[in-house]
N, C-alpha and C. Protein backbone atom coordinates (compact mmCIF):
# COMPACT_ATOMS: atom_id res chain seq x y z
N MET A 1 148.11 135.67 66.65
CA MET A 1 146.98 136.45 66.18
C MET A 1 147.49 137.76 65.63
N THR A 2 146.97 138.14 64.52
CA THR A 2 147.39 139.46 63.88
C THR A 2 146.68 140.57 64.59
N ASP A 3 147.13 141.79 64.36
CA ASP A 3 146.46 142.96 64.94
C ASP A 3 145.01 143.06 64.43
N ARG A 4 144.85 142.75 63.15
CA ARG A 4 143.49 142.81 62.54
C ARG A 4 142.56 141.76 63.22
N GLN A 5 143.10 140.55 63.41
CA GLN A 5 142.28 139.54 64.10
C GLN A 5 141.94 139.87 65.52
N ALA A 6 142.90 140.53 66.27
CA ALA A 6 142.64 140.95 67.62
C ALA A 6 141.52 142.03 67.66
N ALA A 7 141.63 142.97 66.75
CA ALA A 7 140.58 144.04 66.72
C ALA A 7 139.23 143.45 66.38
N ASP A 8 139.20 142.47 65.48
CA ASP A 8 137.91 141.81 65.13
C ASP A 8 137.42 141.06 66.33
N ALA A 9 138.25 140.42 67.09
CA ALA A 9 137.85 139.68 68.28
C ALA A 9 137.21 140.60 69.33
N VAL A 10 137.85 141.80 69.52
CA VAL A 10 137.28 142.78 70.49
C VAL A 10 135.90 143.23 70.04
N ARG A 11 135.71 143.38 68.76
CA ARG A 11 134.42 143.83 68.25
C ARG A 11 133.30 142.81 68.47
N GLY A 12 133.63 141.52 68.40
CA GLY A 12 132.61 140.52 68.36
C GLY A 12 132.58 139.51 69.53
N ARG A 13 133.50 139.58 70.49
CA ARG A 13 133.55 138.52 71.48
C ARG A 13 133.44 139.09 72.90
N ILE A 14 132.51 138.58 73.69
CA ILE A 14 132.33 139.03 75.02
C ILE A 14 133.55 138.77 75.86
N ASP A 15 134.26 137.66 75.65
CA ASP A 15 135.41 137.31 76.48
C ASP A 15 136.58 138.23 76.27
N TRP A 16 136.58 139.00 75.21
CA TRP A 16 137.58 140.03 74.95
C TRP A 16 137.13 141.35 75.54
N LYS A 17 135.86 141.64 75.49
CA LYS A 17 135.33 142.89 76.00
C LYS A 17 135.43 143.02 77.48
N TYR A 18 135.18 141.92 78.16
CA TYR A 18 135.17 141.96 79.62
C TYR A 18 136.52 142.43 80.23
N PRO A 19 137.68 141.79 79.90
CA PRO A 19 138.90 142.27 80.53
C PRO A 19 139.35 143.66 80.10
N LEU A 20 138.76 144.14 78.93
CA LEU A 20 139.05 145.52 78.52
C LEU A 20 138.07 146.55 79.11
N SER A 21 137.16 146.07 79.93
CA SER A 21 136.13 146.91 80.58
C SER A 21 135.32 147.68 79.53
N LEU A 22 134.92 146.97 78.44
CA LEU A 22 134.14 147.59 77.36
C LEU A 22 132.68 147.17 77.55
N GLU A 23 131.77 148.04 77.17
CA GLU A 23 130.38 147.74 77.13
C GLU A 23 130.12 146.66 76.05
N LEU A 24 129.09 145.87 76.22
CA LEU A 24 128.82 144.84 75.16
C LEU A 24 128.50 145.42 73.86
N THR A 25 127.98 146.65 73.82
CA THR A 25 127.66 147.31 72.56
C THR A 25 128.78 148.13 71.99
N ASP A 26 129.94 148.13 72.67
CA ASP A 26 131.08 148.90 72.18
C ASP A 26 131.50 148.40 70.80
N PRO A 27 131.69 149.25 69.81
CA PRO A 27 132.02 148.82 68.49
C PRO A 27 133.48 148.40 68.30
N GLY A 28 134.30 148.52 69.31
CA GLY A 28 135.71 148.11 69.23
C GLY A 28 136.49 149.21 68.55
N PHE A 29 137.60 148.83 67.89
CA PHE A 29 138.51 149.77 67.35
C PHE A 29 139.14 149.23 66.08
N ASP A 30 139.68 150.13 65.28
CA ASP A 30 140.34 149.69 64.05
C ASP A 30 141.75 149.11 64.39
N PHE A 31 142.13 148.07 63.68
CA PHE A 31 143.39 147.44 63.99
C PHE A 31 144.58 148.32 63.91
N SER A 32 144.51 149.40 63.18
CA SER A 32 145.66 150.36 63.02
C SER A 32 145.95 150.98 64.41
N VAL A 33 144.95 151.15 65.28
CA VAL A 33 145.18 151.69 66.61
C VAL A 33 146.07 150.77 67.42
N LEU A 34 145.87 149.49 67.27
CA LEU A 34 146.66 148.50 67.98
C LEU A 34 148.11 148.53 67.48
N CYS A 35 148.28 148.61 66.17
CA CYS A 35 149.61 148.70 65.59
C CYS A 35 150.39 149.90 66.09
N GLU A 36 149.71 151.04 66.15
CA GLU A 36 150.35 152.29 66.64
C GLU A 36 150.72 152.14 68.14
N PHE A 37 149.79 151.58 68.90
CA PHE A 37 150.04 151.42 70.35
C PHE A 37 151.25 150.54 70.62
N LYS A 38 151.30 149.42 69.88
CA LYS A 38 152.42 148.50 70.08
C LYS A 38 153.74 149.19 69.70
N GLY A 39 153.70 150.00 68.64
CA GLY A 39 154.91 150.69 68.19
C GLY A 39 155.41 151.67 69.22
N ARG A 40 154.46 152.36 69.90
CA ARG A 40 154.83 153.34 70.92
C ARG A 40 155.40 152.61 72.16
N LEU A 41 154.83 151.46 72.49
CA LEU A 41 155.34 150.65 73.64
C LEU A 41 156.79 150.22 73.37
N ILE A 42 157.03 149.70 72.18
CA ILE A 42 158.38 149.26 71.85
C ILE A 42 159.36 150.42 71.75
N ALA A 43 158.94 151.50 71.16
CA ALA A 43 159.84 152.70 71.05
C ALA A 43 160.21 153.20 72.42
N GLY A 44 159.28 153.16 73.38
CA GLY A 44 159.50 153.61 74.73
C GLY A 44 160.20 152.61 75.62
N GLY A 45 160.33 151.33 75.11
CA GLY A 45 160.99 150.30 75.88
C GLY A 45 160.22 149.82 77.08
N VAL A 46 158.90 149.96 77.06
CA VAL A 46 158.12 149.59 78.24
C VAL A 46 157.19 148.37 78.02
N GLU A 47 157.43 147.63 76.93
CA GLU A 47 156.55 146.49 76.69
C GLU A 47 156.65 145.43 77.80
N GLN A 48 157.82 145.21 78.37
CA GLN A 48 157.94 144.24 79.44
C GLN A 48 157.23 144.68 80.70
N LYS A 49 157.35 145.97 80.99
CA LYS A 49 156.71 146.52 82.20
C LYS A 49 155.16 146.37 82.06
N LEU A 50 154.62 146.69 80.88
CA LEU A 50 153.15 146.50 80.71
C LEU A 50 152.75 145.07 80.84
N LEU A 51 153.56 144.15 80.26
CA LEU A 51 153.24 142.71 80.44
C LEU A 51 153.24 142.28 81.85
N ASP A 52 154.26 142.74 82.61
CA ASP A 52 154.33 142.39 84.06
C ASP A 52 153.12 142.88 84.83
N ILE A 53 152.71 144.14 84.53
CA ILE A 53 151.53 144.70 85.20
C ILE A 53 150.27 143.86 84.86
N LEU A 54 150.09 143.53 83.61
CA LEU A 54 148.91 142.74 83.16
C LEU A 54 148.88 141.41 83.83
N LEU A 55 150.10 140.74 83.92
CA LEU A 55 150.15 139.40 84.50
C LEU A 55 149.90 139.47 86.00
N SER A 56 150.22 140.59 86.67
CA SER A 56 150.02 140.65 88.10
C SER A 56 148.57 140.90 88.51
N LYS A 57 147.74 141.30 87.58
CA LYS A 57 146.34 141.55 87.86
C LYS A 57 145.50 140.22 87.90
N SER A 58 144.57 140.22 88.80
CA SER A 58 143.70 139.02 88.83
C SER A 58 142.34 139.43 88.23
N TRP A 59 141.97 138.77 87.22
CA TRP A 59 140.74 139.07 86.50
C TRP A 59 139.63 138.36 87.21
């Protein structure tokens, strides 16, 4: 899924809003925010740590 597709999914799908703790009326975000966030994770070398934390959570 591209960053643009993920941002569109957050805007329009309940199953994406719930794990992100967003209100149903939340307008979501522009895909460029996701691109920038991923870039900062990779630059800081913490992408694996974030994935491990997410996988350890029970939704």
